Amino acid sequence: MKNLLAALTFTLLTGCSVVQPLVERFTIAPFDSNEYALVNKLRTTAIQTKPKCGADNIAPFAVLDYVHDMHDTALLLKNYSQYLPKNEQTMKPVSLTYDLVAELKNRYEKETKVSKTYCELKVQSIIDVTESIQRAIGKRPRP
């Protein structure tokens, strides 16, 4: 009887440490209006950037200004989202988005002329990813 009681006590004591990581894996962060606003700003800036792709000969810095704005917003979003509790599911696509924007920024800083097709495809990828992130964040429970 004592052995059974000792085994049961041991199971109860270690049970929380075994179950907790499993529970945390299936829980998500609540809705965060700041995070949602940053994703919305990034998506909106990308939508505004796309028509300007290929206009380097008319206004060479028009796209670059938008790209720098997207990069600033993406970095802010990445840093903001990084340490929010239970936010791992959002952090992965946010990091991917930051990488996309950083690649676009690097291309514009290294080359004097960026092709219209490259710009449009990269910006469309940013639009698509940010829209997916918006949908995911929008479905979260409100606190």
N, C-alpha and C. Protein backbone atom coordinates (compact mmCIF):
# COMPACT_ATOMS: atom_id res chain seq x y z
N MET A 1 0.82 -1.19 0.00
CA MET A 1 0.00 0.00 0.00
C MET A 1 0.87 1.26 0.00
N LYS A 2 1.97 1.21 0.80
CA LYS A 2 2.85 2.36 0.85
C LYS A 2 3.52 2.61 -0.51
N ASN A 3 3.86 1.52 -1.20
CA ASN A 3 4.49 1.66 -2.51
C ASN A 3 3.52 2.29 -3.51
N LEU A 4 2.27 1.89 -3.46
CA LEU A 4 1.25 2.44 -4.34
C LEU A 4 1.04 3.93 -4.05
N LEU A 5 0.99 4.27 -2.78
CA LEU A 5 0.82 5.67 -2.38
C LEU A 5 2.03 6.51 -2.80
N ALA A 6 3.24 5.96 -2.67
CA ALA A 6 4.45 6.67 -3.08
C ALA A 6 4.47 6.87 -4.60
N ALA A 7 4.07 5.86 -5.35
CA ALA A 7 4.04 5.96 -6.81
C ALA A 7 2.99 6.98 -7.26
N LEU A 8 1.84 6.98 -6.62
CA LEU A 8 0.79 7.95 -6.94
C LEU A 8 1.24 9.37 -6.62
N THR A 9 1.88 9.55 -5.48
CA THR A 9 2.38 10.88 -5.10
C THR A 9 3.43 11.36 -6.09
N PHE A 10 4.33 10.47 -6.47
CA PHE A 10 5.37 10.83 -7.44
C PHE A 10 4.76 11.21 -8.78
N THR A 11 3.76 10.49 -9.22
CA THR A 11 3.08 10.78 -10.48
C THR A 11 2.38 12.13 -10.43
N LEU A 12 1.75 12.43 -9.31
CA LEU A 12 1.07 13.72 -9.17
C LEU A 12 2.06 14.88 -9.17
N LEU A 13 3.20 14.68 -8.52
CA LEU A 13 4.19 15.74 -8.45
C LEU A 13 4.83 16.01 -9.81
N THR A 14 5.11 14.98 -10.56
CA THR A 14 5.74 15.17 -11.87
C THR A 14 4.72 15.38 -12.97
N GLY A 15 3.47 15.13 -12.70
CA GLY A 15 2.42 15.25 -13.72
C GLY A 15 2.32 16.63 -14.33
N CYS A 16 2.42 17.66 -13.52
CA CYS A 16 2.30 19.03 -14.02
C CYS A 16 3.44 19.36 -14.98
N SER A 17 4.64 18.90 -14.65
CA SER A 17 5.77 19.21 -15.52
C SER A 17 5.71 18.43 -16.83
N VAL A 18 5.01 17.33 -16.83
CA VAL A 18 4.86 16.54 -18.05
C VAL A 18 3.72 17.10 -18.91
N VAL A 19 2.64 17.49 -18.28
CA VAL A 19 1.46 17.95 -19.00
C VAL A 19 1.60 19.40 -19.48
N GLN A 20 2.28 20.24 -18.72
CA GLN A 20 2.36 21.67 -19.04
C GLN A 20 2.90 21.96 -20.44
N PRO A 21 4.03 21.36 -20.87
CA PRO A 21 4.50 21.64 -22.24
C PRO A 21 3.50 21.20 -23.31
N LEU A 22 2.78 20.14 -23.04
CA LEU A 22 1.77 19.66 -23.99
C LEU A 22 0.62 20.65 -24.09
N VAL A 23 0.19 21.18 -22.97
CA VAL A 23 -0.89 22.17 -22.96
C VAL A 23 -0.45 23.46 -23.65
N GLU A 24 0.77 23.92 -23.38
CA GLU A 24 1.27 25.15 -23.98
C GLU A 24 1.41 25.04 -25.49
N ARG A 25 1.66 23.83 -25.97
CA ARG A 25 1.81 23.63 -27.41
C ARG A 25 0.52 23.92 -28.16
N PHE A 26 -0.61 23.70 -27.52
CA PHE A 26 -1.90 23.87 -28.19
C PHE A 26 -2.63 25.13 -27.77
N THR A 27 -2.00 25.99 -27.01
CA THR A 27 -2.61 27.26 -26.66
C THR A 27 -1.95 28.37 -27.47
N ILE A 28 -2.71 29.40 -27.77
CA ILE A 28 -2.18 30.50 -28.55
C ILE A 28 -2.33 31.80 -27.77
N ALA A 29 -1.58 32.78 -28.21
CA ALA A 29 -1.66 34.09 -27.58
C ALA A 29 -3.02 34.73 -27.88
N PRO A 30 -3.52 35.53 -26.99
CA PRO A 30 -4.77 36.23 -27.28
C PRO A 30 -4.55 37.31 -28.34
N PHE A 31 -5.62 37.85 -28.87
CA PHE A 31 -5.55 38.90 -29.88
C PHE A 31 -4.76 40.08 -29.33
N ASP A 32 -3.87 40.60 -30.15
CA ASP A 32 -3.06 41.76 -29.77
C ASP A 32 -3.26 42.83 -30.84
N SER A 33 -3.92 43.90 -30.48
CA SER A 33 -4.24 44.94 -31.46
C SER A 33 -2.99 45.63 -32.00
N ASN A 34 -1.94 45.74 -31.22
CA ASN A 34 -0.70 46.35 -31.71
C ASN A 34 -0.04 45.49 -32.78
N GLU A 35 0.00 44.21 -32.53
CA GLU A 35 0.58 43.28 -33.49
C GLU A 35 -0.23 43.29 -34.79
N TYR A 36 -1.54 43.27 -34.65
CA TYR A 36 -2.43 43.30 -35.81
C TYR A 36 -2.23 44.59 -36.61
N ALA A 37 -2.09 45.72 -35.92
CA ALA A 37 -1.91 47.01 -36.58
C ALA A 37 -0.59 47.04 -37.36
N LEU A 38 0.46 46.46 -36.81
CA LEU A 38 1.74 46.43 -37.51
C LEU A 38 1.67 45.57 -38.77
N VAL A 39 0.99 44.43 -38.68
CA VAL A 39 0.83 43.59 -39.86
C VAL A 39 0.00 44.32 -40.90
N ASN A 40 -1.05 45.00 -40.47
CA ASN A 40 -1.89 45.76 -41.38
C ASN A 40 -1.10 46.86 -42.07
N LYS A 41 -0.26 47.56 -41.32
CA LYS A 41 0.56 48.64 -41.90
C LYS A 41 1.53 48.08 -42.93
N LEU A 42 2.14 46.95 -42.63
CA LEU A 42 3.08 46.34 -43.55
C LEU A 42 2.38 45.91 -44.84
N ARG A 43 1.22 45.29 -44.70
CA ARG A 43 0.46 44.86 -45.88
C ARG A 43 0.02 46.06 -46.71
N THR A 44 -0.47 47.11 -46.06
CA THR A 44 -0.93 48.30 -46.76
C THR A 44 0.22 48.97 -47.51
N THR A 45 1.38 49.05 -46.89
CA THR A 45 2.54 49.64 -47.56
C THR A 45 2.96 48.79 -48.76
N ALA A 46 2.89 47.49 -48.62
CA ALA A 46 3.22 46.60 -49.75
C ALA A 46 2.24 46.80 -50.90
N ILE A 47 0.96 46.94 -50.59
CA ILE A 47 -0.05 47.17 -51.62
C ILE A 47 0.22 48.50 -52.34
N GLN A 48 0.64 49.50 -51.59
CA GLN A 48 0.95 50.80 -52.20
C GLN A 48 2.24 50.74 -53.01
N THR A 49 3.16 49.86 -52.66
CA THR A 49 4.44 49.74 -53.35
C THR A 49 4.31 49.08 -54.70
N LYS A 50 3.46 48.07 -54.81
CA LYS A 50 3.39 47.25 -56.03
C LYS A 50 3.19 48.07 -57.31
N PRO A 51 2.29 49.03 -57.36
CA PRO A 51 2.13 49.80 -58.60
C PRO A 51 3.36 50.65 -58.95
N LYS A 52 4.20 50.91 -57.98
CA LYS A 52 5.38 51.75 -58.21
C LYS A 52 6.57 50.94 -58.74
N CYS A 53 6.49 49.62 -58.71
CA CYS A 53 7.57 48.78 -59.23
C CYS A 53 7.80 49.10 -60.71
N GLY A 54 9.05 49.21 -61.07
CA GLY A 54 9.40 49.48 -62.46
C GLY A 54 9.38 50.95 -62.83
N ALA A 55 9.10 51.82 -61.88
CA ALA A 55 9.06 53.26 -62.16
C ALA A 55 10.39 53.92 -61.83
N ASP A 56 11.48 53.15 -61.91
CA ASP A 56 12.80 53.66 -61.54
C ASP A 56 13.23 54.83 -62.41
N ASN A 57 12.87 54.80 -63.70
CA ASN A 57 13.31 55.88 -64.58
C ASN A 57 12.51 57.16 -64.36
N ILE A 58 11.29 57.06 -63.82
CA ILE A 58 10.46 58.24 -63.56
C ILE A 58 10.82 58.84 -62.20
N ALA A 59 10.78 58.01 -61.19
CA ALA A 59 11.09 58.45 -59.82
C ALA A 59 11.96 57.37 -59.17
N PRO A 60 13.27 57.47 -59.31
CA PRO A 60 14.14 56.39 -58.88
C PRO A 60 14.06 56.04 -57.39
N PHE A 61 13.68 57.01 -56.57
CA PHE A 61 13.65 56.73 -55.13
C PHE A 61 12.24 56.44 -54.61
N ALA A 62 11.26 56.42 -55.50
CA ALA A 62 9.88 56.19 -55.06
C ALA A 62 9.72 54.82 -54.42
N VAL A 63 10.20 53.79 -55.09
CA VAL A 63 10.08 52.44 -54.55
C VAL A 63 10.98 52.27 -53.33
N LEU A 64 12.17 52.82 -53.40
CA LEU A 64 13.11 52.67 -52.31
C LEU A 64 12.56 53.25 -51.00
N ASP A 65 11.87 54.36 -51.07
CA ASP A 65 11.25 54.93 -49.87
C ASP A 65 10.22 53.97 -49.28
N TYR A 66 9.40 53.37 -50.14
CA TYR A 66 8.40 52.40 -49.66
C TYR A 66 9.08 51.15 -49.10
N VAL A 67 10.15 50.71 -49.75
CA VAL A 67 10.87 49.53 -49.28
C VAL A 67 11.48 49.78 -47.91
N HIS A 68 12.04 50.95 -47.71
CA HIS A 68 12.60 51.29 -46.39
C HIS A 68 11.49 51.35 -45.34
N ASP A 69 10.34 51.87 -45.70
CA ASP A 69 9.21 51.92 -44.78
C ASP A 69 8.74 50.50 -44.43
N MET A 70 8.66 49.63 -45.44
CA MET A 70 8.27 48.23 -45.18
C MET A 70 9.30 47.56 -44.28
N HIS A 71 10.58 47.81 -44.53
CA HIS A 71 11.63 47.19 -43.72
C HIS A 71 11.54 47.65 -42.26
N ASP A 72 11.34 48.95 -42.06
CA ASP A 72 11.20 49.46 -40.69
C ASP A 72 10.01 48.81 -39.98
N THR A 73 8.89 48.71 -40.67
CA THR A 73 7.69 48.11 -40.08
C THR A 73 7.89 46.63 -39.82
N ALA A 74 8.51 45.92 -40.75
CA ALA A 74 8.74 44.48 -40.58
C ALA A 74 9.68 44.21 -39.41
N LEU A 75 10.70 45.04 -39.26
CA LEU A 75 11.62 44.88 -38.13
C LEU A 75 10.91 45.18 -36.81
N LEU A 76 10.12 46.21 -36.80
CA LEU A 76 9.34 46.54 -35.60
C LEU A 76 8.38 45.40 -35.25
N LEU A 77 7.71 44.85 -36.24
CA LEU A 77 6.79 43.73 -36.02
C LEU A 77 7.53 42.50 -35.50
N LYS A 78 8.67 42.20 -36.10
CA LYS A 78 9.45 41.04 -35.66
C LYS A 78 9.89 41.20 -34.21
N ASN A 79 10.41 42.37 -33.88
CA ASN A 79 10.86 42.60 -32.51
C ASN A 79 9.69 42.63 -31.53
N TYR A 80 8.56 43.19 -31.93
CA TYR A 80 7.40 43.25 -31.04
C TYR A 80 6.85 41.85 -30.77
N SER A 81 6.76 41.02 -31.80
CA SER A 81 6.15 39.70 -31.68
C SER A 81 7.05 38.67 -31.01
N GLN A 82 8.33 38.94 -30.98
CA GLN A 82 9.31 37.94 -30.59
C GLN A 82 9.08 37.36 -29.19
N TYR A 83 8.80 38.18 -28.21
CA TYR A 83 8.72 37.68 -26.83
C TYR A 83 7.32 37.69 -26.25
N LEU A 84 6.32 37.82 -27.10
CA LEU A 84 4.95 37.70 -26.60
C LEU A 84 4.71 36.26 -26.18
N PRO A 85 4.11 36.03 -25.02
CA PRO A 85 3.88 34.66 -24.57
C PRO A 85 2.94 33.90 -25.52
N LYS A 86 3.26 32.64 -25.74
CA LYS A 86 2.46 31.73 -26.56
C LYS A 86 2.29 32.24 -28.00
N ASN A 87 3.30 32.91 -28.53
CA ASN A 87 3.19 33.53 -29.84
C ASN A 87 4.08 32.87 -30.90
N GLU A 88 4.50 31.64 -30.64
CA GLU A 88 5.40 30.96 -31.57
C GLU A 88 4.76 30.75 -32.94
N GLN A 89 3.46 30.50 -32.97
CA GLN A 89 2.77 30.25 -34.25
C GLN A 89 2.76 31.49 -35.13
N THR A 90 2.78 32.66 -34.55
CA THR A 90 2.82 33.90 -35.32
C THR A 90 4.25 34.30 -35.63
N MET A 91 5.15 33.99 -34.75
CA MET A 91 6.54 34.42 -34.92
C MET A 91 7.18 33.82 -36.15
N LYS A 92 6.85 32.60 -36.51
CA LYS A 92 7.44 31.97 -37.69
C LYS A 92 7.08 32.71 -38.97
N PRO A 93 5.80 32.96 -39.26
CA PRO A 93 5.49 33.72 -40.48
C PRO A 93 5.96 35.17 -40.42
N VAL A 94 6.01 35.75 -39.24
CA VAL A 94 6.51 37.12 -39.11
C VAL A 94 8.00 37.16 -39.47
N SER A 95 8.76 36.17 -39.04
CA SER A 95 10.19 36.10 -39.39
C SER A 95 10.36 35.90 -40.89
N LEU A 96 9.51 35.06 -41.48
CA LEU A 96 9.55 34.85 -42.93
C LEU A 96 9.26 36.16 -43.66
N THR A 97 8.30 36.91 -43.18
CA THR A 97 7.96 38.19 -43.80
C THR A 97 9.12 39.16 -43.70
N TYR A 98 9.74 39.22 -42.54
CA TYR A 98 10.90 40.09 -42.38
C TYR A 98 12.00 39.71 -43.37
N ASP A 99 12.23 38.42 -43.54
CA ASP A 99 13.26 37.97 -44.48
C ASP A 99 12.94 38.40 -45.91
N LEU A 100 11.67 38.30 -46.30
CA LEU A 100 11.25 38.73 -47.64
C LEU A 100 11.52 40.22 -47.84
N VAL A 101 11.15 41.01 -46.86
CA VAL A 101 11.35 42.46 -46.96
C VAL A 101 12.84 42.80 -46.96
N ALA A 102 13.61 42.11 -46.14
CA ALA A 102 15.06 42.37 -46.09
C ALA A 102 15.73 42.02 -47.42
N GLU A 103 15.28 40.94 -48.06
CA GLU A 103 15.82 40.58 -49.38
C GLU A 103 15.52 41.67 -50.40
N LEU A 104 14.30 42.18 -50.38
CA LEU A 104 13.91 43.24 -51.31
C LEU A 104 14.75 44.50 -51.05
N LYS A 105 14.91 44.84 -49.79
CA LYS A 105 15.70 46.03 -49.43
C LYS A 105 17.15 45.87 -49.89
N ASN A 106 17.73 44.70 -49.64
CA ASN A 106 19.11 44.46 -50.06
C ASN A 106 19.27 44.56 -51.57
N ARG A 107 18.30 44.06 -52.30
CA ARG A 107 18.35 44.12 -53.76
C ARG A 107 18.33 45.57 -54.23
N TYR A 108 17.46 46.36 -53.65
CA TYR A 108 17.36 47.77 -54.05
C TYR A 108 18.59 48.57 -53.63
N GLU A 109 19.24 48.17 -52.56
CA GLU A 109 20.43 48.90 -52.13
C GLU A 109 21.67 48.51 -52.92
N LYS A 110 21.72 47.29 -53.44
CA LYS A 110 22.90 46.81 -54.15
C LYS A 110 22.85 47.09 -55.65
N GLU A 111 21.65 47.12 -56.23
CA GLU A 111 21.54 47.28 -57.67
C GLU A 111 20.96 48.64 -58.01
N THR A 112 21.43 49.17 -59.11
CA THR A 112 20.91 50.48 -59.53
C THR A 112 19.54 50.35 -60.16
N LYS A 113 19.26 49.23 -60.80
CA LYS A 113 17.96 49.03 -61.42
C LYS A 113 17.46 47.62 -61.07
N VAL A 114 16.30 47.56 -60.47
CA VAL A 114 15.69 46.28 -60.10
C VAL A 114 14.56 46.03 -61.08
N SER A 115 14.48 44.80 -61.58
CA SER A 115 13.46 44.52 -62.59
C SER A 115 12.05 44.65 -62.00
N LYS A 116 11.16 45.08 -62.85
CA LYS A 116 9.76 45.26 -62.45
C LYS A 116 9.16 43.93 -62.00
N THR A 117 9.48 42.86 -62.71
CA THR A 117 8.92 41.53 -62.38
C THR A 117 9.38 41.08 -61.00
N TYR A 118 10.68 41.21 -60.72
CA TYR A 118 11.19 40.82 -59.41
C TYR A 118 10.47 41.60 -58.31
N CYS A 119 10.40 42.91 -58.49
CA CYS A 119 9.77 43.77 -57.49
C CYS A 119 8.31 43.37 -57.27
N GLU A 120 7.56 43.19 -58.36
CA GLU A 120 6.15 42.85 -58.23
C GLU A 120 5.95 41.49 -57.56
N LEU A 121 6.77 40.51 -57.93
CA LEU A 121 6.63 39.17 -57.33
C LEU A 121 6.99 39.18 -55.85
N LYS A 122 8.05 39.87 -55.50
CA LYS A 122 8.48 39.92 -54.10
C LYS A 122 7.44 40.66 -53.26
N VAL A 123 6.95 41.78 -53.78
CA VAL A 123 5.95 42.55 -53.04
C VAL A 123 4.64 41.75 -52.93
N GLN A 124 4.26 41.03 -53.98
CA GLN A 124 3.06 40.21 -53.91
C GLN A 124 3.21 39.11 -52.87
N SER A 125 4.41 38.55 -52.76
CA SER A 125 4.66 37.54 -51.71
C SER A 125 4.48 38.15 -50.33
N ILE A 126 4.96 39.37 -50.16
CA ILE A 126 4.81 40.06 -48.87
C ILE A 126 3.33 40.32 -48.58
N ILE A 127 2.60 40.72 -49.60
CA ILE A 127 1.15 40.96 -49.44
C ILE A 127 0.45 39.67 -49.03
N ASP A 128 0.77 38.57 -49.71
CA ASP A 128 0.11 37.28 -49.42
C ASP A 128 0.41 36.80 -48.00
N VAL A 129 1.68 36.88 -47.60
CA VAL A 129 2.06 36.41 -46.26
C VAL A 129 1.41 37.26 -45.18
N THR A 130 1.44 38.58 -45.37
CA THR A 130 0.85 39.45 -44.34
C THR A 130 -0.66 39.28 -44.25
N GLU A 131 -1.30 38.99 -45.38
CA GLU A 131 -2.74 38.73 -45.33
C GLU A 131 -3.03 37.46 -44.54
N SER A 132 -2.22 36.43 -44.74
CA SER A 132 -2.38 35.19 -43.96
C SER A 132 -2.16 35.43 -42.48
N ILE A 133 -1.16 36.24 -42.15
CA ILE A 133 -0.90 36.54 -40.74
C ILE A 133 -2.07 37.32 -40.16
N GLN A 134 -2.61 38.27 -40.91
CA GLN A 134 -3.77 39.03 -40.44
C GLN A 134 -4.95 38.12 -40.14
N ARG A 135 -5.19 37.18 -41.03
CA ARG A 135 -6.31 36.24 -40.81
C ARG A 135 -6.09 35.42 -39.53
N ALA A 136 -4.86 34.95 -39.34
CA ALA A 136 -4.55 34.14 -38.16
C ALA A 136 -4.71 34.95 -36.88
N ILE A 137 -4.18 36.17 -36.87
CA ILE A 137 -4.28 37.00 -35.68
C ILE A 137 -5.73 37.41 -35.44
N GLY A 138 -6.46 37.69 -36.51
CA GLY A 138 -7.85 38.12 -36.38
C GLY A 138 -8.77 37.07 -35.79
N LYS A 139 -8.40 35.80 -35.93
CA LYS A 139 -9.22 34.70 -35.40
C LYS A 139 -8.96 34.43 -33.92
N ARG A 140 -7.95 35.06 -33.38
CA ARG A 140 -7.60 34.79 -31.98
C ARG A 140 -8.69 35.30 -31.04
N PRO A 141 -8.81 34.64 -29.89
CA PRO A 141 -9.80 35.10 -28.92
C PRO A 141 -9.43 36.47 -28.34
N ARG A 142 -10.43 37.29 -28.17
CA ARG A 142 -10.22 38.61 -27.59
C ARG A 142 -10.14 38.48 -26.08
N PRO A 143 -9.23 39.27 -25.44
CA PRO A 143 -9.10 39.16 -23.98
C PRO A 143 -10.30 39.76 -23.27
